[in-house]
């Protein structure tokens, strides 16, 4: 049978909202017209895609059909773009927002634009690629979005998810960023030129969110014997920094190149012996590779080589056990 993409679009919109009225508003049509399109699609497929008793929810057939339906719409958009000159869209969800993940993505994208492979996000005109970054709540939520087909790429720190919830996803390590310790001016270690992680055992690790969502900080605290830990809701970087300014015992960890709020008197002190490294990765669903994925990976590779993003020496640096398998065989040799 031939799929009518207008019907598929009605199904995908309804599946995203689980509400016929809101889906109709999203598509700029009436609820009656949208319901008829979904019904026509169900009739053509010979299955019920939604259960409508006690609210709207996907049927088993609807859940199986949804990822392929989204892929069909994306393929249709690429087909139209190939003859109209409209550029492709790259949807990328990031997480770990206190650590400013988009600064790394932006460098790779800008490098591609400079060599003419992929126009930068700000360029206009026929064929320009449209980058659509979106904030993901955390790695598990971005993994779900990738598997559903709601986004093309994810960028952040990837770690194994329980119950195989990341099965079907592929990742590429693109940056290892040194981590500093951040303390307030009254902390006893504020005047140090450098610190060893073990020297923080008498301090309190302040976490910017619930610790069960912060795999890197949890592993760091376990590895170096940081027994005193304080977590809570993510209220933003300003809130975290304001607290540290007046705390004589608290500290947090922060990637060395990530920006802190201006006009603060907190101290950033490098960690050595060993230096913890924060692993940034690009991830995608292998069964639905974006046409520009290989080009984008080249951009990360070239930028990483120029910026020495993948330097790692096990005698000098520390990575959590879960990050070590990500090390690529062709990474830049450590010096």
Protein backbone atom coordinates (compact mmCIF):
# COMPACT_ATOMS: atom_id res chain seq x y z
CA UNK A 1 0.00 0.00 0.00
CA UNK A 2 1.05 3.64 -0.49
CA UNK A 3 1.15 5.74 2.67
CA UNK A 4 -0.47 9.17 2.54
CA UNK A 5 1.94 11.40 4.47
CA UNK A 6 -0.86 13.78 5.42
CA UNK A 7 -2.51 10.93 7.29
CA UNK A 8 0.80 9.90 8.83
CA UNK A 9 1.36 13.49 9.99
CA UNK A 10 -2.05 13.53 11.66
CA UNK A 11 -1.18 10.31 13.49
CA UNK A 12 2.25 11.57 14.64
CA UNK A 13 0.80 14.84 15.93
CA UNK A 14 -1.89 12.99 17.86
CA UNK A 15 0.63 10.52 19.24
CA UNK A 16 2.75 13.43 20.46
CA UNK A 17 -0.09 15.12 22.33
CA UNK A 18 -2.45 12.19 23.03
CA UNK A 19 -5.20 14.76 22.52
CA UNK A 20 -7.09 15.22 19.24
CA UNK A 21 -7.94 18.85 19.94
CA UNK A 22 -4.35 19.93 20.69
CA UNK A 23 -3.05 17.93 17.73
CA UNK A 24 -5.56 19.67 15.45
CA UNK A 25 -4.40 23.08 16.73
CA UNK A 26 -0.79 22.08 16.10
CA UNK A 27 -1.60 21.20 12.47
CA UNK A 28 -3.90 24.17 11.92
CA UNK A 29 -6.97 22.09 11.14
CA UNK A 30 -10.22 21.14 12.82
CA UNK A 31 -10.52 18.30 15.30
CA UNK A 32 -13.10 16.63 13.06
CA UNK A 33 -10.78 16.71 10.04
CA UNK A 34 -7.87 15.35 12.06
CA UNK A 35 -10.00 12.52 13.49
CA UNK A 36 -11.08 11.56 9.98
CA UNK A 37 -7.46 11.42 8.80
CA UNK A 38 -6.45 9.16 11.66
CA UNK A 39 -9.48 6.94 11.00
CA UNK A 40 -8.58 6.69 7.30
CA UNK A 41 -5.03 5.68 8.22
CA UNK A 42 -6.30 3.02 10.63
CA UNK A 43 -8.64 1.70 7.94
CA UNK A 44 -5.82 1.55 5.37
CA UNK A 45 -3.49 -0.27 7.80
CA UNK A 46 -6.22 -2.53 9.11
CA UNK A 47 -5.32 -1.86 12.77
CA UNK A 48 -6.34 0.48 15.57
CA UNK A 49 -3.53 2.94 16.31
CA UNK A 50 -5.19 4.50 19.37
CA UNK A 51 -7.24 3.30 22.29
CA UNK A 52 -9.98 5.87 22.90
CA UNK A 53 -11.64 4.63 26.08
CA UNK A 54 -10.95 6.71 29.18
CA UNK A 55 -8.72 9.09 27.25
CA UNK A 56 -6.46 8.70 24.24
CA UNK A 57 -3.44 6.41 24.30
CA UNK A 58 -1.43 4.49 21.73
CA UNK A 59 -2.38 0.90 21.05
CA UNK A 60 0.32 -1.74 20.72
CA UNK A 61 0.19 -1.33 16.95
CA UNK A 62 0.41 2.44 17.34
CA UNK A 63 3.55 2.17 19.49
CA UNK A 64 5.17 -0.06 16.88
CA UNK A 65 4.15 2.22 14.02
CA UNK A 66 5.22 5.54 15.59
CA UNK A 67 9.04 5.38 15.08
CA UNK A 68 8.66 4.34 11.43
CA UNK A 69 5.99 7.01 10.90
CA UNK A 70 8.35 9.70 12.12
CA UNK A 71 11.08 8.38 9.84
CA UNK A 72 8.65 8.48 6.90
CA UNK A 73 7.86 12.15 7.56
CA UNK A 74 11.55 13.00 7.86
CA UNK A 75 12.27 11.20 4.58
CA UNK A 76 9.46 13.13 2.94
CA UNK A 77 10.92 16.43 4.13
CA UNK A 78 14.35 15.47 2.76
CA UNK A 79 12.81 14.51 -0.58
CA UNK A 80 11.09 17.89 -0.90
CA UNK A 81 14.27 19.71 0.13
CA UNK A 82 16.26 17.92 -2.56
CA UNK A 83 14.26 19.61 -5.33
CA UNK A 84 13.23 22.89 -3.71
CA UNK A 85 16.69 23.88 -2.46
CA UNK A 86 15.53 24.07 1.14
CA UNK A 87 18.29 22.91 3.43
CA UNK A 88 18.01 19.88 5.69
CA UNK A 89 17.19 20.19 9.38
CA UNK A 90 19.45 18.74 12.08
CA UNK A 91 17.68 18.33 15.43
CA UNK A 92 20.11 17.98 18.31
CA UNK A 93 19.15 17.63 21.96
CA UNK A 94 21.71 18.47 24.63
CA UNK A 95 21.82 17.89 28.36
CA UNK A 96 24.08 18.89 31.24
CA UNK A 97 23.14 22.53 30.69
CA UNK A 98 25.05 23.98 33.63
CA UNK A 99 28.17 22.81 31.79
CA UNK A 100 27.20 24.63 28.55
CA UNK A 101 27.26 21.70 26.07
CA UNK A 102 26.40 23.86 23.06
CA UNK A 103 29.80 25.62 23.19
CA UNK A 104 31.41 22.35 22.03
CA UNK A 105 28.77 21.64 19.38
CA UNK A 106 29.10 25.20 18.08
CA UNK A 107 32.85 24.86 17.53
CA UNK A 108 32.40 21.73 15.42
CA UNK A 109 29.54 23.26 13.39
CA UNK A 110 31.45 26.49 12.81
CA UNK A 111 34.51 24.53 11.67
CA UNK A 112 32.40 22.77 9.05
CA UNK A 113 31.01 26.08 7.87
CA UNK A 114 34.50 27.51 7.45
CA UNK A 115 35.59 24.67 5.17
CA UNK A 116 32.33 24.78 3.20
CA UNK A 117 31.03 21.31 4.07
CA UNK A 118 28.00 22.42 6.09
CA UNK A 119 26.80 26.04 6.20
CA UNK A 120 26.75 27.52 9.68
CA UNK A 121 23.52 27.95 11.60
CA UNK A 122 23.41 31.67 10.89
CA UNK A 123 23.70 31.41 7.10
CA UNK A 124 20.59 32.03 5.01
CA UNK A 125 19.82 31.04 1.47
CA UNK A 126 19.14 27.91 -0.62
CA UNK A 127 20.62 24.76 0.80
CA UNK A 128 21.54 26.19 4.21
CA UNK A 129 21.38 23.64 6.99
CA UNK A 130 18.99 24.55 9.80
CA UNK A 131 20.28 23.50 13.21
CA UNK A 132 17.55 23.02 15.79
CA UNK A 133 19.08 22.61 19.27
CA UNK A 134 16.73 21.67 22.08
CA UNK A 135 17.27 21.21 25.82
CA UNK A 136 16.90 17.66 27.10
CA UNK A 137 16.13 17.11 30.78
CA UNK A 138 18.86 14.50 31.17
CA UNK A 139 20.49 11.59 29.34
CA UNK A 140 17.60 9.12 29.91
CA UNK A 141 15.08 11.58 28.49
CA UNK A 142 17.26 12.30 25.42
CA UNK A 143 17.78 8.55 24.89
CA UNK A 144 13.99 8.12 24.80
CA UNK A 145 13.64 11.01 22.35
CA UNK A 146 16.25 9.43 20.04
CA UNK A 147 14.56 6.05 20.15
CA UNK A 148 11.15 7.62 19.45
CA UNK A 149 12.55 9.60 16.52
CA UNK A 150 11.76 12.95 18.16
CA UNK A 151 15.33 14.15 17.60
CA UNK A 152 18.26 13.25 15.34
CA UNK A 153 21.27 13.58 17.65
CA UNK A 154 22.06 13.87 21.32
CA UNK A 155 25.06 15.55 22.92
CA UNK A 156 26.22 15.30 26.53
CA UNK A 157 27.77 12.76 28.88
CA UNK A 158 26.54 9.25 28.08
CA UNK A 159 26.53 6.44 30.63
CA UNK A 160 24.91 2.98 30.63
CA UNK A 161 21.18 3.04 31.39
CA UNK A 162 19.49 0.32 33.44
CA UNK A 163 17.42 -2.43 31.79
CA UNK A 164 19.05 -1.77 28.41
CA UNK A 165 17.04 1.41 27.86
CA UNK A 166 19.80 2.73 25.55
CA UNK A 167 19.82 -0.38 23.33
CA UNK A 168 19.87 0.62 19.66
CA UNK A 169 21.81 3.83 20.28
CA UNK A 170 25.37 4.47 19.13
CA UNK A 171 27.77 6.99 20.59
CA UNK A 172 31.05 8.66 19.67
CA UNK A 173 33.33 10.24 22.27
CA UNK A 174 34.27 13.70 20.97
CA UNK A 175 35.79 15.56 23.91
CA UNK A 176 37.54 14.89 27.22
CA UNK A 177 37.44 18.09 29.26
CA UNK A 178 39.55 18.62 32.40
CA UNK A 179 37.53 19.38 35.52
CA UNK A 180 38.26 22.12 38.08
CA UNK A 181 37.09 22.40 41.67
CA UNK A 182 35.03 25.51 42.48
CA UNK A 183 35.03 26.89 46.05
CA UNK A 184 34.05 30.10 47.78
CA UNK A 185 36.59 32.68 48.98
CA UNK A 186 36.25 31.55 52.63
CA UNK A 187 36.95 27.88 51.91
CA UNK A 188 40.26 26.75 53.49
CA UNK A 189 41.49 25.52 50.10
CA UNK A 190 40.58 28.67 48.17
CA UNK A 191 44.19 29.88 48.01
CA UNK A 192 45.63 26.69 46.53
CA UNK A 193 47.26 26.78 43.09
CA UNK A 194 46.17 23.17 42.44
CA UNK A 195 44.47 20.42 44.43
CA UNK A 196 44.40 16.64 44.48
CA UNK A 197 40.92 15.07 44.48
CA UNK A 198 41.76 13.20 47.69
CA UNK A 199 42.39 16.56 49.37
CA UNK A 200 38.66 17.31 49.16
CA UNK A 201 37.63 14.53 51.55
CA UNK A 202 36.98 16.96 54.39
CA UNK A 203 34.69 19.14 52.25
CA UNK A 204 31.06 18.82 51.17
CA UNK A 205 30.32 18.09 47.51
CA UNK A 206 27.49 20.34 46.36
CA UNK A 207 25.62 18.85 43.43
CA UNK A 208 23.59 20.98 41.00
CA UNK A 209 20.76 18.40 40.86
CA UNK A 210 19.73 15.10 42.46
CA UNK A 211 22.83 12.93 42.78
CA UNK A 212 21.10 9.90 41.23
CA UNK A 213 20.91 11.94 38.00
CA UNK A 214 24.59 13.00 38.12
CA UNK A 215 26.55 9.90 37.21
CA UNK A 216 29.91 11.67 36.91
CA UNK A 217 29.75 13.40 40.31
CA UNK A 218 28.55 10.24 42.03
CA UNK A 219 31.41 8.20 40.58
CA UNK A 220 33.93 10.92 41.48
CA UNK A 221 32.72 11.04 45.09
CA UNK A 222 32.84 7.25 45.39
CA UNK A 223 36.31 7.02 43.84
CA UNK A 224 37.96 9.68 46.00
CA UNK A 225 36.13 9.09 49.27
CA UNK A 226 33.97 12.23 49.37
CA UNK A 227 31.50 11.06 51.99
CA UNK A 228 29.67 14.34 52.60
CA UNK A 229 27.38 15.20 49.70
CA UNK A 230 24.51 17.61 49.28
CA UNK A 231 22.10 17.51 46.37
CA UNK A 232 18.69 18.90 45.53
CA UNK A 233 16.65 20.30 42.66
CA UNK A 234 18.43 21.99 39.77
CA UNK A 235 17.80 25.69 40.43
CA UNK A 236 20.40 26.91 37.96
CA UNK A 237 24.05 27.89 37.95
CA UNK A 238 23.52 31.27 39.60
CA UNK A 239 21.87 29.62 42.60
CA UNK A 240 24.71 27.11 42.96
CA UNK A 241 27.43 29.77 42.72
CA UNK A 242 25.67 32.09 45.18
CA UNK A 243 25.63 29.30 47.73
CA UNK A 244 29.30 28.42 47.28
CA UNK A 245 30.34 32.06 47.77
CA UNK A 246 29.34 31.89 51.44
CA UNK A 247 30.02 28.22 52.23
CA UNK A 248 33.24 27.48 54.10
CA UNK A 249 33.03 23.73 53.46
CA UNK A 250 31.27 23.30 50.13
CA UNK A 251 32.71 22.72 46.68
CA UNK A 252 31.53 21.59 43.29
CA UNK A 253 33.19 20.38 40.11
CA UNK A 254 33.06 22.27 36.85
CA UNK A 255 34.54 21.68 33.37
CA UNK A 256 37.63 23.82 32.94
CA UNK A 257 36.43 25.70 29.85
CA UNK A 258 32.78 26.12 30.87
CA UNK A 259 31.82 29.71 31.75
CA UNK A 260 30.84 30.71 35.27
CA UNK A 261 28.62 33.76 35.95
CA UNK A 262 30.43 37.09 35.71
CA UNK A 263 31.29 39.18 38.76
CA UNK A 264 31.60 36.28 41.18
CA UNK A 265 34.42 35.83 43.65
CA UNK A 266 34.42 32.04 43.72
CA UNK A 267 37.74 30.34 43.03
CA UNK A 268 38.41 27.80 40.28
CA UNK A 269 41.31 25.54 41.19
CA UNK A 270 42.74 22.90 38.80
CA UNK A 271 42.61 19.30 39.96
CA UNK A 272 45.78 17.24 39.54
CA UNK A 273 47.14 13.89 40.60
CA UNK A 274 44.91 12.79 38.88
CA UNK A 275 42.99 15.26 36.74
CA UNK A 276 39.35 14.17 36.30
CA UNK A 277 38.09 14.31 32.72
CA UNK A 278 34.48 14.90 31.72
CA UNK A 279 33.53 12.86 28.65
CA UNK A 280 31.32 14.57 26.05
CA UNK A 281 29.74 12.27 23.44
CA UNK A 282 27.55 12.52 20.37
CA UNK A 283 24.87 9.83 20.18
CA UNK A 284 22.25 8.71 17.66
CA UNK A 285 19.97 5.84 16.69
CA UNK A 286 21.93 3.59 14.37
CA UNK A 287 18.82 2.47 12.47
CA UNK A 288 18.01 6.10 11.61
CA UNK A 289 21.29 7.85 10.79
CA UNK A 290 20.90 11.46 9.74
CA UNK A 291 22.30 12.13 6.24
CA UNK A 292 24.70 14.73 7.68
CA UNK A 293 25.93 12.56 10.56
CA UNK A 294 29.21 11.52 8.95
CA UNK A 295 29.95 15.11 7.96
CA UNK A 296 29.25 16.32 11.48
CA UNK A 297 31.48 13.60 12.95
CA UNK A 298 34.28 14.81 10.67
CA UNK A 299 33.77 18.29 12.08
CA UNK A 300 34.15 17.02 15.63
CA UNK A 301 37.22 14.99 14.64
CA UNK A 302 38.98 17.92 12.98
CA UNK A 303 38.08 20.37 15.74
CA UNK A 304 39.08 17.87 18.40
CA UNK A 305 42.44 17.33 16.78
CA UNK A 306 43.10 21.07 16.56
CA UNK A 307 41.92 21.71 20.15
CA UNK A 308 43.51 18.51 21.55
CA UNK A 309 40.12 17.44 22.90
CA UNK A 310 40.90 13.74 23.18
CA UNK A 311 44.18 13.76 25.03
CA UNK A 312 44.27 11.12 27.77
CA UNK A 313 47.10 9.70 29.83
CA UNK A 314 46.05 7.11 32.43
CA UNK A 315 49.12 8.00 34.51
CA UNK A 316 47.92 11.59 34.79
CA UNK A 317 44.15 11.59 34.25
CA UNK A 318 41.07 9.94 35.76
CA UNK A 319 38.03 8.68 33.89
CA UNK A 320 35.13 6.75 35.40
CA UNK A 321 35.21 3.06 34.48
CA UNK A 322 32.09 3.51 32.32
CA UNK A 323 33.86 6.12 30.16
CA UNK A 324 37.07 4.23 29.40
CA UNK A 325 35.59 1.94 26.70
CA UNK A 326 34.64 5.06 24.74
CA UNK A 327 38.25 5.96 24.04
CA UNK A 328 38.78 5.79 20.28
CA UNK A 329 41.82 4.00 18.92
CA UNK A 330 42.65 6.98 16.71
CA UNK A 331 42.50 9.61 19.48
CA UNK A 332 45.24 12.20 19.73
CA UNK A 333 48.26 10.71 21.56
CA UNK A 334 48.78 12.11 25.04
CA UNK A 335 51.82 14.26 25.68
